[in-house]
């Protein structure tokens, strides 16, 4: 494994570990998801550059567009839950009370 691949894999795994173990606030979960998406975007960009194929050059931009949509939906949910529940703590959310 090259050092570049190890760096991107480690960044993705750190984001996944943060998402798994630090689930107290919705904002921290959204930041971990954005870190994972950034690692995937950089890895896909370097992979398409190393491959040299022009057919894969649109893939990182497509991932970046989906990441932006995910971030905006996450922030909208963050604002909505903060307005209705008064906090972004995940322990205060209960799906059975919706």
Foldseek 3Di string as FASTA:
>chain_A
DDPLVVVLVVQLVVLVVQLPPVQFFLVSNLVSVLSNLVSVLVVQCVVCVVVVDPVSNCVSVVSVVVNVVVSVVSVVVQVVCCVVVVGRTPVSDDPVVD
